[in-house]
């Protein structure tokens, strides 16, 4: 069931006060629409003590009036990083020999700055290829969720984080986002999240069995593995571009099920030809801390702003305690709307 607005979402928190209701499979495709799907699968092929592997794929498709599917673009990204989120290699479908500028960079805002330098043409920053690269920053941050979901060794994880300084810029997670702001009950005395108390929810696969062509099949993995998945649909009604999409961080469990720690769904309406945001709503479905869901209330501050500026506006308006790291990832990705809308039939 899709929760239609943030007020309804916040009223459906479970008894413990967590947002804990998965969004279910993605919707069936609409006639005369464009869809982008991306997935980054994260695992440890050489063991937990070794490098993290990232394998990402994206697909853009056009669905015609008769529901026929036309592929617009496909892309892939492969990368490796150590436990401190420093990347040793980053290869892509466009740059199979790798991106030297990213070697040694750490997942986070600085990595995104290097990406903008590597791809200075704004047009190159709007495709699924760039979104996968941009998403490496957030995917590296949540990568250990796959290991935790598989082993449930929460205390061991926190001890490793503390001993190796794997938190935010100050060595802890205090103040990095709305849910982990100063004074949050989600933090221990040293500024690390109470990982063993985090909320997570069993979820279904995103692929819709009634529309199997609607999701590009991501790589199937076995053993501890994290997946960051996105989808975004666009269609035109008059002079308005309507947008509907979702974002999910999930992991495999040993019994073959899938469990999510972050999931948002969102809707937006963009005016043509101005590109201004007329409506936007974000719905928290699964989040780890009780404090997290309220971050969606600030999203309406984007109304009236150009959707093309979201990669600049979102980090400025919702930095650190003013926003949710994962919600920011959702909002920043909407910068692609004008480029995807160019494929819509008039």
Protein backbone atom coordinates (compact mmCIF):
# COMPACT_ATOMS: atom_id res chain seq x y z
CA UNK A 1 0.00 0.00 0.00
CA UNK A 2 1.39 3.41 -0.93
CA UNK A 3 1.03 6.05 1.77
CA UNK A 4 -0.07 9.18 -0.05
CA UNK A 5 1.37 11.93 2.15
CA UNK A 6 3.80 12.54 4.98
CA UNK A 7 1.09 13.20 7.60
CA UNK A 8 -0.48 9.81 6.87
CA UNK A 9 2.95 8.20 6.91
CA UNK A 10 3.77 9.60 10.32
CA UNK A 11 0.43 8.41 11.65
CA UNK A 12 1.24 4.82 10.67
CA UNK A 13 4.35 4.46 12.80
CA UNK A 14 4.46 1.15 14.64
CA UNK A 15 3.97 0.84 18.38
CA UNK A 16 7.66 1.46 19.00
CA UNK A 17 7.49 4.73 17.04
CA UNK A 18 9.43 3.60 13.97
CA UNK A 19 8.58 4.05 10.29
CA UNK A 20 8.35 0.34 9.51
CA UNK A 21 6.12 -0.36 6.53
CA UNK A 22 7.77 -1.37 3.25
CA UNK A 23 6.42 0.20 0.10
CA UNK A 24 5.98 -3.11 -1.72
CA UNK A 25 6.77 -3.80 -5.40
CA UNK A 26 7.17 -0.83 -7.69
CA UNK A 27 4.04 0.15 -9.68
CA UNK A 28 3.27 -1.21 -13.09
CA UNK A 29 4.46 1.04 -15.90
CA UNK A 30 2.09 3.66 -17.31
CA UNK A 31 1.46 4.16 -21.03
CA UNK A 32 3.43 7.09 -22.45
CA UNK A 33 5.92 7.22 -19.59
CA UNK A 34 9.66 7.09 -18.95
CA UNK A 35 11.25 5.04 -16.18
CA UNK A 36 14.76 4.97 -14.73
CA UNK A 37 15.83 2.12 -12.46
CA UNK A 38 19.20 1.74 -10.77
CA UNK A 39 20.68 -0.83 -8.41
CA UNK A 40 24.04 -1.08 -6.65
CA UNK A 41 24.82 -4.50 -5.18
CA UNK A 42 27.52 -4.51 -2.49
CA UNK A 43 29.36 -7.55 -1.16
CA UNK A 44 32.70 -8.90 0.10
CA UNK A 45 33.89 -11.50 -2.43
CA UNK A 46 37.19 -12.09 -0.60
CA UNK A 47 35.81 -12.03 2.95
CA UNK A 48 34.66 -9.38 5.38
CA UNK A 49 38.23 -8.32 6.21
CA UNK A 50 38.93 -7.53 2.55
CA UNK A 51 37.74 -4.92 0.07
CA UNK A 52 34.08 -4.08 -0.49
CA UNK A 53 32.81 -4.66 -4.05
CA UNK A 54 30.20 -2.39 -5.67
CA UNK A 55 28.40 -3.57 -8.83
CA UNK A 56 25.89 -1.06 -10.17
CA UNK A 57 23.54 -1.06 -13.14
CA UNK A 58 20.99 1.37 -14.55
CA UNK A 59 18.38 1.40 -17.29
CA UNK A 60 16.20 4.12 -18.83
CA UNK A 61 13.14 3.01 -20.81
CA UNK A 62 10.21 4.55 -22.68
CA UNK A 63 6.81 2.86 -22.49
CA UNK A 64 4.57 3.59 -25.46
CA UNK A 65 0.80 3.94 -25.72
CA UNK A 66 0.58 0.21 -26.44
CA UNK A 67 2.87 -0.57 -23.44
CA UNK A 68 5.72 -1.54 -25.78
CA UNK A 69 9.09 -0.98 -24.10
CA UNK A 70 11.92 0.91 -25.82
CA UNK A 71 15.32 1.06 -24.16
CA UNK A 72 16.85 4.53 -24.03
CA UNK A 73 20.09 3.87 -22.18
CA UNK A 74 21.91 1.31 -20.04
CA UNK A 75 25.02 1.70 -17.90
CA UNK A 76 27.13 -0.16 -15.35
CA UNK A 77 29.66 0.73 -12.66
CA UNK A 78 32.13 -1.52 -10.79
CA UNK A 79 34.21 -0.31 -7.84
CA UNK A 80 36.23 -1.54 -4.87
CA UNK A 81 36.84 0.21 -1.55
CA UNK A 82 38.32 -0.58 1.84
CA UNK A 83 36.56 -0.47 5.19
CA UNK A 84 37.33 3.25 5.53
CA UNK A 85 35.41 3.81 2.25
CA UNK A 86 38.51 4.66 0.22
CA UNK A 87 38.15 3.55 -3.38
CA UNK A 88 40.96 1.63 -5.06
CA UNK A 89 39.26 1.19 -8.46
CA UNK A 90 36.21 2.63 -10.22
CA UNK A 91 35.33 1.34 -13.71
CA UNK A 92 32.24 2.08 -15.77
CA UNK A 93 30.54 1.20 -19.03
CA UNK A 94 31.90 4.47 -20.46
CA UNK A 95 35.35 4.27 -18.87
CA UNK A 96 36.27 0.61 -18.74
CA UNK A 97 39.90 1.40 -17.86
CA UNK A 98 38.78 3.22 -14.74
CA UNK A 99 38.60 6.78 -13.41
CA UNK A 100 42.08 7.60 -12.02
CA UNK A 101 40.86 10.76 -10.24
CA UNK A 102 38.70 8.65 -7.92
CA UNK A 103 41.47 6.28 -6.84
CA UNK A 104 42.15 6.86 -3.15
CA UNK A 105 39.10 9.09 -2.69
CA UNK A 106 36.74 8.48 0.23
CA UNK A 107 32.98 8.08 -0.10
CA UNK A 108 31.30 11.39 0.74
CA UNK A 109 31.01 14.95 -0.49
CA UNK A 110 34.62 15.12 -1.65
CA UNK A 111 34.07 12.14 -3.94
CA UNK A 112 31.13 13.96 -5.50
CA UNK A 113 33.31 17.00 -6.05
CA UNK A 114 35.86 14.86 -7.88
CA UNK A 115 33.07 13.44 -10.01
CA UNK A 116 32.00 16.90 -11.11
CA UNK A 117 35.60 17.61 -12.11
CA UNK A 118 35.82 14.32 -14.03
CA UNK A 119 32.54 15.07 -15.84
CA UNK A 120 32.46 18.87 -16.20
CA UNK A 121 29.76 18.90 -18.90
CA UNK A 122 26.38 19.26 -17.09
CA UNK A 123 24.76 17.06 -19.74
CA UNK A 124 27.01 14.16 -18.67
CA UNK A 125 25.74 14.49 -15.08
CA UNK A 126 22.10 13.68 -15.86
CA UNK A 127 22.24 10.04 -17.02
CA UNK A 128 22.03 6.79 -15.12
CA UNK A 129 25.79 6.37 -15.57
CA UNK A 130 26.55 9.46 -13.49
CA UNK A 131 23.81 8.68 -10.95
CA UNK A 132 25.47 5.33 -10.21
CA UNK A 133 28.81 7.06 -9.67
CA UNK A 134 27.23 9.78 -7.55
CA UNK A 135 25.48 7.10 -5.49
CA UNK A 136 28.76 5.43 -4.54
CA UNK A 137 29.14 8.01 -1.76
CA UNK A 138 25.92 7.02 -0.01
CA UNK A 139 26.18 3.34 -0.94
CA UNK A 140 29.60 3.12 0.72
CA UNK A 141 28.17 4.67 3.89
CA UNK A 142 25.42 2.03 4.16
CA UNK A 143 27.48 -0.86 2.80
CA UNK A 144 27.99 -2.65 6.15
CA UNK A 145 24.24 -3.09 6.55
CA UNK A 146 24.52 -6.28 4.46
CA UNK A 147 27.06 -7.75 6.85
CA UNK A 148 24.99 -6.76 9.91
CA UNK A 149 21.74 -8.13 8.49
CA UNK A 150 23.44 -11.45 7.74
CA UNK A 151 25.43 -11.92 10.96
CA UNK A 152 23.57 -9.76 13.53
CA UNK A 153 26.95 -9.02 15.14
CA UNK A 154 26.03 -5.44 16.06
CA UNK A 155 28.39 -4.91 18.97
CA UNK A 156 31.35 -6.15 16.96
CA UNK A 157 30.51 -3.64 14.24
CA UNK A 158 30.38 -0.71 16.67
CA UNK A 159 33.68 -1.69 18.25
CA UNK A 160 35.33 -1.83 14.81
CA UNK A 161 33.86 1.57 13.94
CA UNK A 162 35.10 3.12 17.16
CA UNK A 163 38.59 1.62 17.00
CA UNK A 164 39.07 2.56 13.33
CA UNK A 165 37.38 5.98 13.45
CA UNK A 166 34.82 5.01 10.83
CA UNK A 167 32.16 7.54 11.81
CA UNK A 168 31.62 11.01 10.39
CA UNK A 169 34.32 13.65 9.90
CA UNK A 170 34.88 13.89 13.66
CA UNK A 171 35.16 10.12 14.12
CA UNK A 172 31.57 9.79 15.35
CA UNK A 173 28.12 10.09 13.77
CA UNK A 174 26.89 12.89 16.05
CA UNK A 175 25.34 15.71 14.04
CA UNK A 176 25.66 14.10 10.59
CA UNK A 177 21.88 14.18 9.99
CA UNK A 178 18.47 14.99 11.48
CA UNK A 179 18.08 11.56 13.07
CA UNK A 180 21.54 11.66 14.66
CA UNK A 181 21.48 15.29 15.79
CA UNK A 182 22.89 16.39 19.13
CA UNK A 183 20.75 14.99 21.92
CA UNK A 184 19.16 12.25 19.80
CA UNK A 185 18.20 9.09 21.65
CA UNK A 186 19.63 7.13 18.72
CA UNK A 187 23.20 7.95 19.85
CA UNK A 188 25.31 6.49 22.62
CA UNK A 189 27.52 8.63 24.85
CA UNK A 190 30.39 8.45 22.34
CA UNK A 191 28.30 9.61 19.41
CA UNK A 192 27.72 6.27 17.68
CA UNK A 193 24.25 4.93 16.80
CA UNK A 194 22.68 2.22 18.94
CA UNK A 195 23.00 -0.20 16.01
CA UNK A 196 21.46 -3.11 17.86
CA UNK A 197 18.34 -1.03 18.50
CA UNK A 198 17.89 0.21 14.93
CA UNK A 199 14.61 -0.47 13.22
CA UNK A 200 14.55 -2.63 10.09
CA UNK A 201 11.66 -4.27 8.26
CA UNK A 202 11.18 -7.38 6.13
CA UNK A 203 10.29 -6.27 2.60
CA UNK A 204 9.23 -7.84 -0.69
CA UNK A 205 11.34 -7.63 -3.82
CA UNK A 206 10.84 -4.40 -5.76
CA UNK A 207 10.21 -6.19 -9.07
CA UNK A 208 6.46 -6.32 -9.80
CA UNK A 209 5.38 -9.80 -10.90
CA UNK A 210 2.51 -8.25 -12.90
CA UNK A 211 5.02 -6.20 -14.90
CA UNK A 212 8.27 -8.18 -15.06
CA UNK A 213 9.74 -5.93 -17.75
CA UNK A 214 9.36 -2.91 -15.49
CA UNK A 215 12.48 -3.62 -13.42
CA UNK A 216 15.89 -4.28 -14.92
CA UNK A 217 17.08 -7.41 -13.15
CA UNK A 218 19.93 -6.53 -10.79
CA UNK A 219 22.75 -8.90 -10.09
CA UNK A 220 21.74 -11.79 -7.83
CA UNK A 221 24.07 -12.43 -4.91
CA UNK A 222 24.42 -14.97 -2.11
CA UNK A 223 25.88 -14.40 1.32
CA UNK A 224 26.12 -11.01 3.04
CA UNK A 225 25.08 -8.33 0.54
CA UNK A 226 23.60 -4.83 0.54
CA UNK A 227 21.50 -3.37 -2.26
CA UNK A 228 20.77 0.29 -2.94
CA UNK A 229 17.88 0.50 -5.42
CA UNK A 230 16.02 3.40 -7.03
CA UNK A 231 13.17 3.89 -9.49
CA UNK A 232 11.66 7.03 -10.96
CA UNK A 233 8.64 7.32 -13.28
CA UNK A 234 7.69 10.37 -15.34
CA UNK A 235 4.62 11.19 -17.42
CA UNK A 236 3.12 14.35 -18.88
CA UNK A 237 -0.32 15.80 -18.21
CA UNK A 238 -0.84 19.11 -19.99
CA UNK A 239 2.01 21.43 -19.01
CA UNK A 240 2.94 19.40 -15.94
CA UNK A 241 5.48 16.60 -15.59
CA UNK A 242 4.41 14.17 -12.88
CA UNK A 243 7.06 12.18 -11.03
CA UNK A 244 6.73 9.14 -8.78
CA UNK A 245 9.58 7.10 -7.41
CA UNK A 246 11.29 5.33 -4.58
CA UNK A 247 14.59 4.59 -2.86
CA UNK A 248 15.55 1.57 -0.77
CA UNK A 249 18.59 0.25 1.09
CA UNK A 250 18.13 -3.45 1.85
CA UNK A 251 20.09 -6.62 2.53
CA UNK A 252 19.79 -10.38 2.34
CA UNK A 253 19.09 -12.52 5.38
CA UNK A 254 20.32 -16.08 5.79
CA UNK A 255 16.85 -17.53 5.17
CA UNK A 256 16.73 -15.84 1.73
CA UNK A 257 14.49 -12.97 2.75
CA UNK A 258 15.22 -9.28 2.26
CA UNK A 259 15.26 -6.69 5.02
CA UNK A 260 15.29 -2.91 4.53
CA UNK A 261 16.83 -0.24 6.74
CA UNK A 262 15.97 2.81 4.58
CA UNK A 263 13.04 3.29 2.22
CA UNK A 264 11.34 6.42 0.92
CA UNK A 265 8.68 6.95 -1.73
CA UNK A 266 8.02 10.35 -3.27
CA UNK A 267 5.80 12.27 -5.68
CA UNK A 268 6.42 15.57 -7.44
CA UNK A 269 4.97 17.79 -10.14
CA UNK A 270 7.24 19.95 -12.31
CA UNK A 271 5.96 22.86 -14.40
CA UNK A 272 6.89 23.01 -18.06
CA UNK A 273 8.72 24.81 -19.54
CA UNK A 274 9.92 26.69 -16.42
CA UNK A 275 11.18 23.55 -14.67
CA UNK A 276 9.94 24.83 -11.32
CA UNK A 277 8.76 22.42 -8.63
CA UNK A 278 5.01 22.87 -8.16
CA UNK A 279 4.42 19.99 -5.73
CA UNK A 280 6.67 17.60 -3.84
CA UNK A 281 6.06 15.07 -1.07
CA UNK A 282 8.27 12.45 0.52
CA UNK A 283 6.97 9.43 2.45
CA UNK A 284 9.13 7.57 5.01
CA UNK A 285 8.45 3.84 4.79
CA UNK A 286 11.42 2.32 6.62
CA UNK A 287 13.95 4.28 8.70
CA UNK A 288 16.33 3.18 11.47
CA UNK A 289 15.58 5.67 14.27
CA UNK A 290 12.44 7.16 15.83
CA UNK A 291 13.72 10.66 15.11
CA UNK A 292 14.15 10.08 11.36
CA UNK A 293 10.62 10.35 9.83
CA UNK A 294 10.04 13.97 10.82
CA UNK A 295 12.77 15.05 8.36
CA UNK A 296 10.21 14.89 5.53
CA UNK A 297 8.37 17.96 6.83
CA UNK A 298 10.99 20.30 5.38
CA UNK A 299 10.67 19.00 1.81
CA UNK A 300 8.02 21.56 0.82
CA UNK A 301 10.71 24.25 1.07
CA UNK A 302 11.72 23.12 -2.43
CA UNK A 303 8.42 24.24 -3.98
CA UNK A 304 9.05 27.04 -6.46
CA UNK A 305 12.70 26.12 -6.99
CA UNK A 306 14.15 24.83 -10.29
CA UNK A 307 14.38 21.05 -10.32
CA UNK A 308 17.61 21.39 -12.33
CA UNK A 309 19.32 23.03 -9.30
CA UNK A 310 18.62 20.29 -6.76
CA UNK A 311 22.19 18.98 -6.61
CA UNK A 312 23.17 22.44 -5.34
CA UNK A 313 20.06 23.43 -3.38
CA UNK A 314 19.54 20.20 -1.40
CA UNK A 315 23.02 20.03 0.21
CA UNK A 316 22.79 23.73 1.10
CA UNK A 317 19.23 23.68 2.46
CA UNK A 318 19.32 20.31 4.23
CA UNK A 319 22.92 20.00 5.40
CA UNK A 320 23.73 17.79 8.37
CA UNK A 321 21.14 18.15 11.18
CA UNK A 322 18.78 20.07 8.86
CA UNK A 323 18.13 16.98 6.73
CA UNK A 324 18.25 13.22 6.34
CA UNK A 325 21.26 11.86 4.44
CA UNK A 326 19.13 9.32 2.57
CA UNK A 327 16.25 11.70 1.88
CA UNK A 328 18.80 14.13 0.45
CA UNK A 329 19.95 11.36 -1.90
CA UNK A 330 16.32 10.94 -3.01
CA UNK A 331 15.86 14.66 -3.68
CA UNK A 332 19.20 15.25 -5.41
CA UNK A 333 18.44 12.52 -7.95
CA UNK A 334 15.43 14.50 -9.22
CA UNK A 335 17.83 16.77 -11.09
CA UNK A 336 17.50 14.27 -13.95
CA UNK A 337 13.78 15.01 -14.50
CA UNK A 338 14.15 17.50 -17.40
CA UNK A 339 16.54 15.18 -19.27
CA UNK A 340 14.25 12.16 -18.85
CA UNK A 341 11.17 14.23 -19.70
CA UNK A 342 12.73 15.07 -23.07
CA UNK A 343 11.96 11.48 -24.10
CA UNK A 344 8.26 11.75 -23.28
CA UNK A 345 5.83 11.91 -26.21
CA UNK A 346 4.05 15.22 -26.62
